């Protein structure tokens, strides 16, 4: 199912807020078109997934550093939140991946 909606967005080509047409396929954003200048941005899922994978790897690689910063900023809060975070992190990652796969299958 495809749907269209109108939105007032900032256009980089017009350099101002202009009316845009936003196109969806199901719940997935497909394209955004400026109704003033006609510039259209198409959203490519394959590129989004590539970027997501790169972002996910970056999050994994920087996790020790981010946890160290948290530890230094608030030792008590970090220690108190750690057991719950350890238990829920696998679920949160699985849910994130499941949502991506579900969106991909819907399209």
N, C-alpha and C. Protein backbone atom coordinates (compact mmCIF):
# COMPACT_ATOMS: atom_id res chain seq x y z
N UNK A 1 0.84 -1.18 0.00
CA UNK A 1 0.00 0.00 0.00
C UNK A 1 0.89 1.25 0.00
N UNK A 2 0.65 2.13 -0.93
CA UNK A 2 1.41 3.38 -0.97
C UNK A 2 0.52 4.53 -0.49
N UNK A 3 1.16 5.51 0.09
CA UNK A 3 0.43 6.68 0.54
C UNK A 3 1.30 7.92 0.38
N UNK A 4 0.63 9.05 0.26
CA UNK A 4 1.33 10.34 0.12
C UNK A 4 0.80 11.29 1.17
N UNK A 5 1.67 12.16 1.62
CA UNK A 5 1.24 13.21 2.54
C UNK A 5 2.01 14.48 2.22
N UNK A 6 1.46 15.57 2.59
CA UNK A 6 2.10 16.88 2.39
C UNK A 6 2.73 17.30 3.72
N UNK A 7 3.89 17.95 3.61
CA UNK A 7 4.58 18.43 4.81
C UNK A 7 5.38 19.68 4.44
N UNK A 8 5.51 20.56 5.38
CA UNK A 8 6.34 21.76 5.21
C UNK A 8 7.72 21.39 5.74
N UNK A 9 8.70 21.32 4.83
CA UNK A 9 10.06 20.93 5.19
C UNK A 9 11.06 21.93 4.63
N UNK A 10 12.28 21.90 5.17
CA UNK A 10 13.32 22.78 4.65
C UNK A 10 13.93 22.14 3.41
N UNK A 11 13.93 22.87 2.30
CA UNK A 11 14.52 22.38 1.06
C UNK A 11 15.93 22.94 0.93
N UNK A 12 16.89 22.05 0.73
CA UNK A 12 18.28 22.48 0.59
C UNK A 12 18.52 23.24 -0.71
N UNK A 13 17.72 22.97 -1.74
CA UNK A 13 17.88 23.66 -3.02
C UNK A 13 17.23 25.04 -2.99
N UNK A 14 16.05 25.14 -2.40
CA UNK A 14 15.36 26.43 -2.30
C UNK A 14 15.92 27.27 -1.15
N UNK A 15 16.59 26.61 -0.20
CA UNK A 15 17.16 27.23 0.98
C UNK A 15 16.09 27.90 1.86
N UNK A 16 14.91 27.26 1.93
CA UNK A 16 13.83 27.77 2.78
C UNK A 16 12.81 26.65 3.00
N UNK A 17 11.89 26.89 3.93
CA UNK A 17 10.79 25.95 4.15
C UNK A 17 9.84 26.02 2.97
N UNK A 18 9.53 24.86 2.40
CA UNK A 18 8.62 24.77 1.26
C UNK A 18 7.71 23.56 1.43
N UNK A 19 6.59 23.52 0.70
CA UNK A 19 5.75 22.32 0.77
C UNK A 19 6.43 21.15 0.06
N UNK A 20 6.33 19.99 0.66
CA UNK A 20 6.91 18.76 0.12
C UNK A 20 5.85 17.68 0.07
N UNK A 21 6.04 16.73 -0.83
CA UNK A 21 5.21 15.54 -0.89
C UNK A 21 6.07 14.39 -0.38
N UNK A 22 5.57 13.70 0.65
CA UNK A 22 6.29 12.58 1.26
C UNK A 22 5.57 11.30 0.87
N UNK A 23 6.29 10.37 0.26
CA UNK A 23 5.72 9.12 -0.24
C UNK A 23 6.17 7.94 0.60
N UNK A 24 5.21 7.11 0.97
CA UNK A 24 5.46 5.90 1.75
C UNK A 24 5.00 4.68 0.98
N UNK A 25 5.70 3.57 1.19
CA UNK A 25 5.24 2.25 0.75
C UNK A 25 5.03 1.47 2.04
N UNK A 26 3.79 1.30 2.44
CA UNK A 26 3.51 0.73 3.75
C UNK A 26 3.93 1.73 4.80
N UNK A 27 4.77 1.29 5.72
CA UNK A 27 5.31 2.18 6.76
C UNK A 27 6.70 2.70 6.43
N UNK A 28 7.17 2.40 5.23
CA UNK A 28 8.54 2.74 4.85
C UNK A 28 8.57 3.99 3.98
N UNK A 29 9.40 4.94 4.38
CA UNK A 29 9.59 6.16 3.62
C UNK A 29 10.28 5.83 2.30
N UNK A 30 9.70 6.27 1.19
CA UNK A 30 10.27 5.98 -0.14
C UNK A 30 10.90 7.21 -0.78
N UNK A 31 10.24 8.36 -0.70
CA UNK A 31 10.80 9.55 -1.33
C UNK A 31 10.19 10.81 -0.74
N UNK A 32 10.92 11.91 -0.94
CA UNK A 32 10.46 13.23 -0.51
C UNK A 32 10.72 14.18 -1.67
N UNK A 33 9.68 14.90 -2.10
CA UNK A 33 9.81 15.79 -3.25
C UNK A 33 9.37 17.21 -2.89
N UNK A 34 10.23 18.17 -3.20
CA UNK A 34 9.90 19.57 -2.99
C UNK A 34 8.91 19.99 -4.07
N UNK A 35 7.78 20.52 -3.66
CA UNK A 35 6.76 20.94 -4.61
C UNK A 35 7.07 22.32 -5.20
N UNK A 36 8.08 22.99 -4.66
CA UNK A 36 8.47 24.31 -5.16
C UNK A 36 9.47 24.17 -6.32
N UNK A 37 10.56 23.42 -6.11
CA UNK A 37 11.60 23.31 -7.14
C UNK A 37 11.61 21.95 -7.84
N UNK A 38 10.88 20.97 -7.29
CA UNK A 38 10.82 19.66 -7.92
C UNK A 38 11.93 18.71 -7.53
N UNK A 39 12.88 19.16 -6.70
CA UNK A 39 13.96 18.28 -6.27
C UNK A 39 13.37 17.11 -5.47
N UNK A 40 13.81 15.90 -5.80
CA UNK A 40 13.28 14.71 -5.13
C UNK A 40 14.42 13.88 -4.56
N UNK A 41 14.21 13.42 -3.34
CA UNK A 41 15.17 12.54 -2.68
C UNK A 41 14.51 11.18 -2.56
N UNK A 42 15.15 10.17 -3.17
CA UNK A 42 14.63 8.81 -3.08
C UNK A 42 15.39 8.08 -1.98
N UNK A 43 14.65 7.38 -1.15
CA UNK A 43 15.24 6.63 -0.05
C UNK A 43 15.50 5.21 -0.52
N UNK A 44 16.76 4.79 -0.51
CA UNK A 44 17.12 3.44 -0.95
C UNK A 44 17.39 2.56 0.27
N UNK A 45 16.56 1.54 0.43
CA UNK A 45 16.66 0.64 1.58
C UNK A 45 18.02 -0.06 1.65
N UNK A 46 18.55 -0.46 0.51
CA UNK A 46 19.83 -1.17 0.53
C UNK A 46 20.93 -0.28 1.12
N UNK A 47 20.90 1.01 0.79
CA UNK A 47 21.89 1.94 1.34
C UNK A 47 21.63 2.19 2.82
N UNK A 48 20.34 2.26 3.20
CA UNK A 48 20.01 2.44 4.61
C UNK A 48 20.52 1.26 5.43
N UNK A 49 20.34 0.04 4.90
CA UNK A 49 20.81 -1.15 5.62
C UNK A 49 22.33 -1.17 5.72
N UNK A 50 23.01 -0.76 4.65
CA UNK A 50 24.47 -0.68 4.70
C UNK A 50 24.91 0.30 5.78
N UNK A 51 24.26 1.47 5.80
CA UNK A 51 24.60 2.48 6.81
C UNK A 51 24.27 1.99 8.21
N UNK A 52 23.15 1.28 8.35
CA UNK A 52 22.79 0.74 9.66
C UNK A 52 23.84 -0.25 10.13
N UNK A 53 24.29 -1.13 9.23
CA UNK A 53 25.30 -2.12 9.59
C UNK A 53 26.59 -1.42 10.03
N UNK A 54 26.99 -0.40 9.30
CA UNK A 54 28.20 0.35 9.66
C UNK A 54 28.02 1.03 11.02
N UNK A 55 26.85 1.62 11.24
CA UNK A 55 26.56 2.26 12.51
C UNK A 55 26.56 1.25 13.66
N UNK A 56 25.98 0.09 13.41
CA UNK A 56 25.92 -0.95 14.44
C UNK A 56 27.32 -1.41 14.83
N UNK A 57 28.17 -1.62 13.84
CA UNK A 57 29.56 -2.04 14.11
C UNK A 57 30.28 -0.95 14.89
N UNK A 58 30.06 0.30 14.50
CA UNK A 58 30.68 1.41 15.21
C UNK A 58 30.22 1.45 16.67
N UNK A 59 28.92 1.22 16.90
CA UNK A 59 28.40 1.19 18.26
C UNK A 59 29.04 0.08 19.08
N UNK A 60 29.25 -1.07 18.46
CA UNK A 60 29.91 -2.18 19.17
C UNK A 60 31.35 -1.82 19.52
N UNK A 61 32.07 -1.26 18.55
CA UNK A 61 33.48 -0.94 18.78
C UNK A 61 33.69 0.19 19.78
N UNK A 62 32.75 1.11 19.88
CA UNK A 62 32.90 2.24 20.80
C UNK A 62 32.25 1.99 22.16
N UNK A 63 31.58 0.85 22.33
CA UNK A 63 30.87 0.57 23.59
C UNK A 63 31.80 0.61 24.80
N UNK A 64 32.98 -0.03 24.76
CA UNK A 64 33.85 0.05 25.94
C UNK A 64 34.21 1.49 26.34
N UNK A 65 34.48 2.32 25.35
CA UNK A 65 34.81 3.72 25.62
C UNK A 65 33.62 4.44 26.24
N UNK A 66 32.42 4.23 25.67
CA UNK A 66 31.22 4.90 26.18
C UNK A 66 30.89 4.44 27.60
N UNK A 67 31.10 3.16 27.86
CA UNK A 67 30.84 2.64 29.21
C UNK A 67 31.84 3.21 30.21
N UNK A 68 33.08 3.38 29.79
CA UNK A 68 34.10 3.97 30.67
C UNK A 68 33.73 5.41 31.01
N UNK A 69 33.25 6.15 30.02
CA UNK A 69 32.82 7.53 30.27
C UNK A 69 31.66 7.56 31.27
N UNK A 70 30.68 6.67 31.09
CA UNK A 70 29.55 6.58 32.02
C UNK A 70 30.05 6.27 33.42
N UNK A 71 30.95 5.33 33.51
CA UNK A 71 31.51 4.91 34.80
C UNK A 71 32.18 6.08 35.51
N UNK A 72 32.96 6.85 34.76
CA UNK A 72 33.66 7.99 35.34
C UNK A 72 32.70 9.11 35.75
N UNK A 73 31.61 9.28 35.02
CA UNK A 73 30.67 10.37 35.31
C UNK A 73 29.76 10.06 36.48
N UNK A 74 29.32 8.80 36.60
CA UNK A 74 28.36 8.45 37.65
C UNK A 74 28.54 6.99 38.05
N UNK A 75 29.48 6.73 38.93
CA UNK A 75 29.81 5.37 39.34
C UNK A 75 28.60 4.65 39.92
N UNK A 76 27.89 5.28 40.83
CA UNK A 76 26.74 4.63 41.47
C UNK A 76 25.64 4.32 40.47
N UNK A 77 25.28 5.27 39.65
CA UNK A 77 24.24 5.06 38.63
C UNK A 77 24.63 3.96 37.66
N UNK A 78 25.90 3.96 37.28
CA UNK A 78 26.38 2.93 36.36
C UNK A 78 26.27 1.55 36.98
N UNK A 79 26.73 1.41 38.20
CA UNK A 79 26.69 0.10 38.88
C UNK A 79 25.25 -0.36 39.09
N UNK A 80 24.36 0.56 39.48
CA UNK A 80 22.97 0.19 39.70
C UNK A 80 22.24 -0.20 38.41
N UNK A 81 22.60 0.43 37.30
CA UNK A 81 21.91 0.14 36.04
C UNK A 81 22.49 -1.07 35.31
N UNK A 82 23.70 -1.48 35.65
CA UNK A 82 24.38 -2.53 34.91
C UNK A 82 23.63 -3.88 34.89
N UNK A 83 23.13 -4.39 36.00
CA UNK A 83 22.44 -5.69 35.93
C UNK A 83 21.24 -5.69 34.98
N UNK A 84 20.45 -4.63 35.02
CA UNK A 84 19.29 -4.56 34.13
C UNK A 84 19.73 -4.42 32.68
N UNK A 85 20.75 -3.62 32.43
CA UNK A 85 21.25 -3.43 31.07
C UNK A 85 21.81 -4.72 30.50
N UNK A 86 22.50 -5.50 31.33
CA UNK A 86 23.06 -6.78 30.87
C UNK A 86 21.93 -7.73 30.48
N UNK A 87 20.87 -7.73 31.25
CA UNK A 87 19.74 -8.61 30.96
C UNK A 87 18.96 -8.15 29.73
N UNK A 88 18.73 -6.83 29.60
CA UNK A 88 17.86 -6.34 28.52
C UNK A 88 18.58 -6.07 27.20
N UNK A 89 19.90 -5.93 27.21
CA UNK A 89 20.62 -5.58 25.97
C UNK A 89 20.41 -6.60 24.86
N UNK A 90 20.54 -7.89 25.11
CA UNK A 90 20.30 -8.86 24.02
C UNK A 90 18.88 -8.73 23.45
N UNK A 91 17.90 -8.51 24.31
CA UNK A 91 16.52 -8.34 23.85
C UNK A 91 16.40 -7.09 22.98
N UNK A 92 17.01 -5.98 23.42
CA UNK A 92 16.91 -4.73 22.67
C UNK A 92 17.56 -4.85 21.29
N UNK A 93 18.69 -5.53 21.23
CA UNK A 93 19.37 -5.74 19.94
C UNK A 93 18.52 -6.64 19.05
N UNK A 94 18.00 -7.73 19.61
CA UNK A 94 17.15 -8.64 18.84
C UNK A 94 15.92 -7.91 18.31
N UNK A 95 15.32 -7.06 19.12
CA UNK A 95 14.14 -6.30 18.73
C UNK A 95 14.48 -5.34 17.59
N UNK A 96 15.63 -4.69 17.68
CA UNK A 96 16.07 -3.75 16.65
C UNK A 96 16.26 -4.49 15.31
N UNK A 97 16.91 -5.65 15.35
CA UNK A 97 17.13 -6.44 14.14
C UNK A 97 15.80 -6.97 13.62
N UNK A 98 14.93 -7.44 14.50
CA UNK A 98 13.62 -7.95 14.10
C UNK A 98 12.80 -6.86 13.39
N UNK A 99 12.84 -5.64 13.90
CA UNK A 99 12.11 -4.54 13.27
C UNK A 99 12.63 -4.27 11.86
N UNK A 100 13.94 -4.32 11.68
CA UNK A 100 14.54 -4.09 10.36
C UNK A 100 14.14 -5.20 9.40
N UNK A 101 14.21 -6.45 9.85
CA UNK A 101 13.83 -7.58 9.01
C UNK A 101 12.35 -7.52 8.65
N UNK A 102 11.51 -7.18 9.63
CA UNK A 102 10.07 -7.08 9.38
C UNK A 102 9.78 -6.00 8.35
N UNK A 103 10.41 -4.84 8.49
CA UNK A 103 10.23 -3.76 7.51
C UNK A 103 10.67 -4.21 6.12
N UNK A 104 11.77 -4.94 6.05
CA UNK A 104 12.27 -5.42 4.78
C UNK A 104 11.30 -6.41 4.13
N UNK A 105 10.73 -7.29 4.93
CA UNK A 105 9.78 -8.28 4.41
C UNK A 105 8.46 -7.63 3.99
N UNK A 106 8.05 -6.57 4.66
CA UNK A 106 6.82 -5.87 4.31
C UNK A 106 6.93 -5.20 2.94
N UNK A 107 8.16 -4.94 2.54
CA UNK A 107 8.37 -4.26 1.26
C UNK A 107 8.89 -5.27 0.28
